[in-house]
Amino acid sequence: MALKRMVLQIGMGTDIRGSEDTKAAVRALRDALWHNSLTVTRALDKDVDSMQVEVTIGVPHPERVDRAQVLAVLPHGTGTVNVVEGGLEIRTEDGTGSTIIANAAAVVRLDVA
């Protein structure tokens, strides 16, 4: 058997006032996952926890993201989180804060023949 890519889910999340990259990243992954109902595991007679999910997050400050909080969003399967520079930061007019926009991509793989 071999791991096969079954699904690509894409989402966007924001932290409007707090300048928190982790909060935006968590919201982006939730956005990607919560707009889908994956029935591929049932169709292939696989357990939902057999999914392997590779999450990529794009945020302005990758070093500020708590990967464990992002990974905790996954309702099923096992996952990995890769954080890269991306997304968008919009500074407030007075320069004291910013809005953070994060992008998420979740690739779901299953071990199939």
C-alpha atoms as a PDB file:
ATOM      1  CA  MET A   1       0.000   0.000   0.000  1.00  0.00           C
ATOM      2  CA  ALA A   2       1.019   3.616  -0.495  1.00  0.00           C
ATOM      3  CA  LEU A   3      -0.016   7.008   0.823  1.00  0.00           C
ATOM      4  CA  LYS A   4      -2.202   8.766  -1.744  1.00  0.00           C
ATOM      5  CA  ARG A   5      -3.264  12.389  -1.702  1.00  0.00           C
ATOM      6  CA  MET A   6      -7.049  12.433  -1.433  1.00  0.00           C
ATOM      7  CA  VAL A   7      -8.007  15.981  -0.497  1.00  0.00           C
ATOM      8  CA  LEU A   8      -6.645  19.528  -0.524  1.00  0.00           C
ATOM      9  CA  GLN A   9      -8.475  21.950   1.738  1.00  0.00           C
ATOM     10  CA  ILE A  10      -7.712  25.681   1.783  1.00  0.00           C
ATOM     11  CA  GLY A  11      -8.689  28.308   4.340  1.00  0.00           C
ATOM     12  CA  MET A  12      -8.070  31.823   5.582  1.00  0.00           C
ATOM     13  CA  GLY A  13      -8.137  33.186   9.126  1.00  0.00           C
ATOM     14  CA  THR A  14      -7.575  36.521  10.800  1.00  0.00           C
ATOM     15  CA  ASP A  15      -6.767  38.119  14.104  1.00  0.00           C
ATOM     16  CA  ILE A  16      -8.311  41.546  13.607  1.00  0.00           C
ATOM     17  CA  ARG A  17      -6.964  43.391  16.652  1.00  0.00           C
ATOM     18  CA  GLY A  18      -4.592  41.171  18.594  1.00  0.00           C
ATOM     19  CA  SER A  19      -1.637  40.802  16.192  1.00  0.00           C
ATOM     20  CA  GLU A  20      -1.510  37.086  17.084  1.00  0.00           C
ATOM     21  CA  ASP A  21      -0.197  34.844  14.309  1.00  0.00           C
ATOM     22  CA  THR A  22      -1.262  31.665  16.161  1.00  0.00           C
ATOM     23  CA  LYS A  23      -4.858  32.832  16.508  1.00  0.00           C
ATOM     24  CA  ALA A  24      -5.022  33.643  12.783  1.00  0.00           C
ATOM     25  CA  ALA A  25      -3.385  30.293  11.917  1.00  0.00           C
ATOM     26  CA  VAL A  26      -5.861  28.299  14.021  1.00  0.00           C
ATOM     27  CA  ARG A  27      -8.777  30.146  12.419  1.00  0.00           C
ATOM     28  CA  ALA A  28      -7.360  29.520   8.939  1.00  0.00           C
ATOM     29  CA  LEU A  29      -7.138  25.774   9.526  1.00  0.00           C
ATOM     30  CA  ARG A  30     -10.643  25.696  11.004  1.00  0.00           C
ATOM     31  CA  ASP A  31     -11.884  27.555   7.930  1.00  0.00           C
ATOM     32  CA  ALA A  32     -10.261  24.943   5.693  1.00  0.00           C
ATOM     33  CA  LEU A  33     -11.641  21.970   7.614  1.00  0.00           C
ATOM     34  CA  TRP A  34     -15.079  23.096   8.742  1.00  0.00           C
ATOM     35  CA  HIS A  35     -16.435  23.707   5.231  1.00  0.00           C
ATOM     36  CA  ASN A  36     -16.105  20.049   4.276  1.00  0.00           C
ATOM     37  CA  SER A  37     -17.485  16.695   5.179  1.00  0.00           C
ATOM     38  CA  LEU A  38     -14.943  14.099   4.148  1.00  0.00           C
ATOM     39  CA  THR A  39     -16.644  10.861   3.221  1.00  0.00           C
ATOM     40  CA  VAL A  40     -13.652   9.438   1.388  1.00  0.00           C
ATOM     41  CA  THR A  41     -12.664   7.326   4.390  1.00  0.00           C
ATOM     42  CA  ARG A  42     -16.077   5.667   4.479  1.00  0.00           C
ATOM     43  CA  ALA A  43     -16.050   5.177   0.724  1.00  0.00           C
ATOM     44  CA  LEU A  44     -12.718   3.364   0.990  1.00  0.00           C
ATOM     45  CA  ASP A  45     -13.717   1.483   4.159  1.00  0.00           C
ATOM     46  CA  LYS A  46     -11.011   3.262   6.183  1.00  0.00           C
ATOM     47  CA  ASP A  47     -11.124   4.580   9.730  1.00  0.00           C
ATOM     48  CA  VAL A  48     -11.219   8.395   9.913  1.00  0.00           C
ATOM     49  CA  ASP A  49      -8.234   8.321  12.240  1.00  0.00           C
ATOM     50  CA  SER A  50      -6.138   6.657   9.533  1.00  0.00           C
ATOM     51  CA  MET A  51      -5.933  10.013   7.723  1.00  0.00           C
ATOM     52  CA  GLN A  52      -2.546  11.678   7.638  1.00  0.00           C
ATOM     53  CA  VAL A  53      -2.897  15.444   7.367  1.00  0.00           C
ATOM     54  CA  GLU A  54      -0.083  17.726   6.266  1.00  0.00           C
ATOM     55  CA  VAL A  55      -0.881  21.312   7.266  1.00  0.00           C
ATOM     56  CA  THR A  56       0.955  24.306   5.813  1.00  0.00           C
ATOM     57  CA  ILE A  57       0.319  27.718   7.351  1.00  0.00           C
ATOM     58  CA  GLY A  58       1.424  31.008   5.799  1.00  0.00           C
ATOM     59  CA  VAL A  59       1.737  33.932   8.240  1.00  0.00           C
ATOM     60  CA  PRO A  60       3.839  37.097   8.417  1.00  0.00           C
ATOM     61  CA  HIS A  61       5.781  35.881  11.480  1.00  0.00           C
ATOM     62  CA  PRO A  62       6.178  32.066  11.311  1.00  0.00           C
ATOM     63  CA  GLU A  63       8.292  31.973  14.461  1.00  0.00           C
ATOM     64  CA  ARG A  64       5.330  33.254  16.515  1.00  0.00           C
ATOM     65  CA  VAL A  65       3.026  30.324  15.681  1.00  0.00           C
ATOM     66  CA  ASP A  66       2.394  27.664  18.301  1.00  0.00           C
ATOM     67  CA  ARG A  67       2.292  24.544  16.118  1.00  0.00           C
ATOM     68  CA  ALA A  68       0.678  22.469  18.883  1.00  0.00           C
ATOM     69  CA  GLN A  69      -2.343  24.798  18.981  1.00  0.00           C
ATOM     70  CA  VAL A  70      -2.713  24.520  15.201  1.00  0.00           C
ATOM     71  CA  LEU A  71      -2.367  20.723  15.274  1.00  0.00           C
ATOM     72  CA  ALA A  72      -4.997  20.511  18.030  1.00  0.00           C
ATOM     73  CA  VAL A  73      -7.593  21.728  15.501  1.00  0.00           C
ATOM     74  CA  LEU A  74      -7.499  18.408  13.596  1.00  0.00           C
ATOM     75  CA  PRO A  75     -10.569  16.371  14.584  1.00  0.00           C
ATOM     76  CA  HIS A  76      -9.287  13.088  13.125  1.00  0.00           C
ATOM     77  CA  GLY A  77      -6.090  11.433  12.007  1.00  0.00           C
ATOM     78  CA  THR A  78      -2.538  12.441  12.671  1.00  0.00           C
ATOM     79  CA  GLY A  79      -0.879  15.539  11.359  1.00  0.00           C
ATOM     80  CA  THR A  80       2.156  17.657  10.850  1.00  0.00           C
ATOM     81  CA  VAL A  81       2.366  21.444  10.723  1.00  0.00           C
ATOM     82  CA  ASN A  82       4.766  23.431   8.566  1.00  0.00           C
ATOM     83  CA  VAL A  83       4.717  27.212   9.038  1.00  0.00           C
ATOM     84  CA  VAL A  84       6.078  29.456   6.308  1.00  0.00           C
ATOM     85  CA  GLU A  85       6.301  33.176   5.722  1.00  0.00           C
ATOM     86  CA  GLY A  86       3.165  34.400   3.999  1.00  0.00           C
ATOM     87  CA  GLY A  87      -0.231  35.804   4.774  1.00  0.00           C
ATOM     88  CA  LEU A  88      -0.557  39.506   5.394  1.00  0.00           C
ATOM     89  CA  GLU A  89      -0.017  42.037   8.168  1.00  0.00           C
ATOM     90  CA  ILE A  90      -1.935  45.313   8.078  1.00  0.00           C
ATOM     91  CA  ARG A  91      -0.633  47.870  10.571  1.00  0.00           C
ATOM     92  CA  THR A  92      -3.013  50.213  12.388  1.00  0.00           C
ATOM     93  CA  GLU A  93      -2.869  53.879  11.488  1.00  0.00           C
ATOM     94  CA  ASP A  94      -1.087  54.768  14.723  1.00  0.00           C
ATOM     95  CA  GLY A  95       1.350  51.833  14.372  1.00  0.00           C
ATOM     96  CA  THR A  96       0.482  50.310  17.744  1.00  0.00           C
ATOM     97  CA  GLY A  97      -1.078  47.115  16.422  1.00  0.00           C
ATOM     98  CA  SER A  98      -1.957  45.129  13.359  1.00  0.00           C
ATOM     99  CA  THR A  99      -4.369  42.725  11.739  1.00  0.00           C
ATOM    100  CA  ILE A 100      -2.856  39.354  10.857  1.00  0.00           C
ATOM    101  CA  ILE A 101      -4.176  37.272   7.964  1.00  0.00           C
ATOM    102  CA  ALA A 102      -3.095  33.622   7.722  1.00  0.00           C
ATOM    103  CA  ASN A 103      -3.580  31.085   4.953  1.00  0.00           C
ATOM    104  CA  ALA A 104      -3.889  27.349   5.546  1.00  0.00           C
ATOM    105  CA  ALA A 105      -3.581  24.335   3.268  1.00  0.00           C
ATOM    106  CA  ALA A 106      -4.383  20.867   4.554  1.00  0.00           C
ATOM    107  CA  VAL A 107      -3.457  17.870   2.427  1.00  0.00           C
ATOM    108  CA  VAL A 108      -5.184  14.649   3.485  1.00  0.00           C
ATOM    109  CA  ARG A 109      -3.517  11.366   2.608  1.00  0.00           C
ATOM    110  CA  LEU A 110      -4.697   7.787   3.040  1.00  0.00           C
ATOM    111  CA  ASP A 111      -2.848   4.521   2.756  1.00  0.00           C
ATOM    112  CA  VAL A 112      -4.552   2.820  -0.212  1.00  0.00           C
ATOM    113  CA  ALA A 113      -3.635   0.272  -2.860  1.00  0.00           C
END
